[in-house]
Amino acid sequence: MKMKLIINGKEKGLECEKVSDLLNKLRLNKDIVAVELNKSIVHRQNFDDTKLKDNDKLEIITVVGGG
């Protein structure tokens, strides 16, 4: 089922049930991102269990290493 999600301030219509599904659709590596869902941090070990619903607001930050 397609739902409306606000991701980094932009509205998107996507079919995904959980945070892990969303990251897969966006082709993001779950090992190098931080996810905030409705102003609460989602811990990496909970990506597979955290369900999304219509109108959820997410901030997704990619961690970049360097030296």
C-alpha atoms as a PDB file:
ATOM      1  CA  MET A   1       0.000   0.000   0.000  1.00  0.00           C
ATOM      2  CA  LYS A   2       1.373   3.377  -1.018  1.00  0.00           C
ATOM      3  CA  MET A   3       1.636   5.907   1.770  1.00  0.00           C
ATOM      4  CA  LYS A   4       2.685   9.518   2.060  1.00  0.00           C
ATOM      5  CA  LEU A   5       5.959  10.002   3.936  1.00  0.00           C
ATOM      6  CA  ILE A   6       7.828  13.237   4.581  1.00  0.00           C
ATOM      7  CA  ILE A   7      11.520  12.405   4.117  1.00  0.00           C
ATOM      8  CA  ASN A   8      14.060  15.145   4.834  1.00  0.00           C
ATOM      9  CA  GLY A   9      11.319  17.722   4.299  1.00  0.00           C
ATOM     10  CA  LYS A  10      10.097  16.318   0.963  1.00  0.00           C
ATOM     11  CA  GLU A  11       6.808  14.490   0.482  1.00  0.00           C
ATOM     12  CA  LYS A  12       7.102  11.082  -1.179  1.00  0.00           C
ATOM     13  CA  GLY A  13       4.547   8.399  -2.013  1.00  0.00           C
ATOM     14  CA  LEU A  14       6.124   4.998  -1.370  1.00  0.00           C
ATOM     15  CA  GLU A  15       5.161   1.412  -0.683  1.00  0.00           C
ATOM     16  CA  CYS A  16       7.021   0.318   2.418  1.00  0.00           C
ATOM     17  CA  GLU A  17       5.952  -1.174   5.709  1.00  0.00           C
ATOM     18  CA  LYS A  18       9.047  -0.730   7.877  1.00  0.00           C
ATOM     19  CA  VAL A  19      12.084   1.521   8.158  1.00  0.00           C
ATOM     20  CA  SER A  20      14.259  -1.236   6.661  1.00  0.00           C
ATOM     21  CA  ASP A  21      11.922  -1.439   3.622  1.00  0.00           C
ATOM     22  CA  LEU A  22      12.213   2.309   3.135  1.00  0.00           C
ATOM     23  CA  LEU A  23      16.009   2.240   3.289  1.00  0.00           C
ATOM     24  CA  ASN A  24      16.054  -0.571   0.712  1.00  0.00           C
ATOM     25  CA  LYS A  25      13.730   1.383  -1.629  1.00  0.00           C
ATOM     26  CA  LEU A  26      15.972   4.433  -1.298  1.00  0.00           C
ATOM     27  CA  ARG A  27      19.053   2.228  -1.840  1.00  0.00           C
ATOM     28  CA  LEU A  28      20.606   3.328   1.439  1.00  0.00           C
ATOM     29  CA  ASN A  29      22.947   1.117   3.433  1.00  0.00           C
ATOM     30  CA  LYS A  30      21.412   0.689   6.886  1.00  0.00           C
ATOM     31  CA  ASP A  31      24.893   0.453   8.407  1.00  0.00           C
ATOM     32  CA  ILE A  32      25.788   4.048   7.506  1.00  0.00           C
ATOM     33  CA  VAL A  33      22.579   5.998   8.160  1.00  0.00           C
ATOM     34  CA  ALA A  34      20.887   7.574  11.142  1.00  0.00           C
ATOM     35  CA  VAL A  35      17.083   7.692  11.097  1.00  0.00           C
ATOM     36  CA  GLU A  36      14.754   9.946  13.038  1.00  0.00           C
ATOM     37  CA  LEU A  37      11.049   9.070  12.900  1.00  0.00           C
ATOM     38  CA  ASN A  38       8.611  11.696  14.163  1.00  0.00           C
ATOM     39  CA  LYS A  39      11.384  13.332  16.237  1.00  0.00           C
ATOM     40  CA  SER A  40      12.562  10.055  17.822  1.00  0.00           C
ATOM     41  CA  ILE A  41      15.781   8.272  16.903  1.00  0.00           C
ATOM     42  CA  VAL A  42      15.287   4.767  15.503  1.00  0.00           C
ATOM     43  CA  HIS A  43      18.163   2.546  16.582  1.00  0.00           C
ATOM     44  CA  ARG A  44      19.725   0.459  13.829  1.00  0.00           C
ATOM     45  CA  GLN A  45      18.761  -2.827  15.507  1.00  0.00           C
ATOM     46  CA  ASN A  46      15.102  -1.710  15.335  1.00  0.00           C
ATOM     47  CA  PHE A  47      14.967  -0.850  11.591  1.00  0.00           C
ATOM     48  CA  ASP A  48      13.370  -4.239  10.781  1.00  0.00           C
ATOM     49  CA  ASP A  49      10.728  -3.887  13.512  1.00  0.00           C
ATOM     50  CA  THR A  50       9.770  -0.209  13.236  1.00  0.00           C
ATOM     51  CA  LYS A  51       6.578   0.169  11.207  1.00  0.00           C
ATOM     52  CA  LEU A  52       5.762   3.236   9.168  1.00  0.00           C
ATOM     53  CA  LYS A  53       2.371   4.876   8.738  1.00  0.00           C
ATOM     54  CA  ASP A  54       0.859   7.488   6.470  1.00  0.00           C
ATOM     55  CA  ASN A  55       2.187  11.032   7.087  1.00  0.00           C
ATOM     56  CA  ASP A  56       5.209   9.925   9.136  1.00  0.00           C
ATOM     57  CA  LYS A  57       8.063  12.429   9.146  1.00  0.00           C
ATOM     58  CA  LEU A  58      11.572  11.061   8.764  1.00  0.00           C
ATOM     59  CA  GLU A  59      15.018  12.572   8.717  1.00  0.00           C
ATOM     60  CA  ILE A  60      17.657  10.302   7.224  1.00  0.00           C
ATOM     61  CA  ILE A  61      21.313  11.235   7.526  1.00  0.00           C
ATOM     62  CA  THR A  62      24.115   9.368   5.782  1.00  0.00           C
ATOM     63  CA  VAL A  63      27.344   9.051   7.731  1.00  0.00           C
ATOM     64  CA  VAL A  64      30.427   9.816   5.651  1.00  0.00           C
ATOM     65  CA  GLY A  65      33.884   8.839   6.848  1.00  0.00           C
ATOM     66  CA  GLY A  66      37.091  10.349   5.719  1.00  0.00           C
ATOM     67  CA  GLY A  67      40.493  11.315   6.773  1.00  0.00           C
END
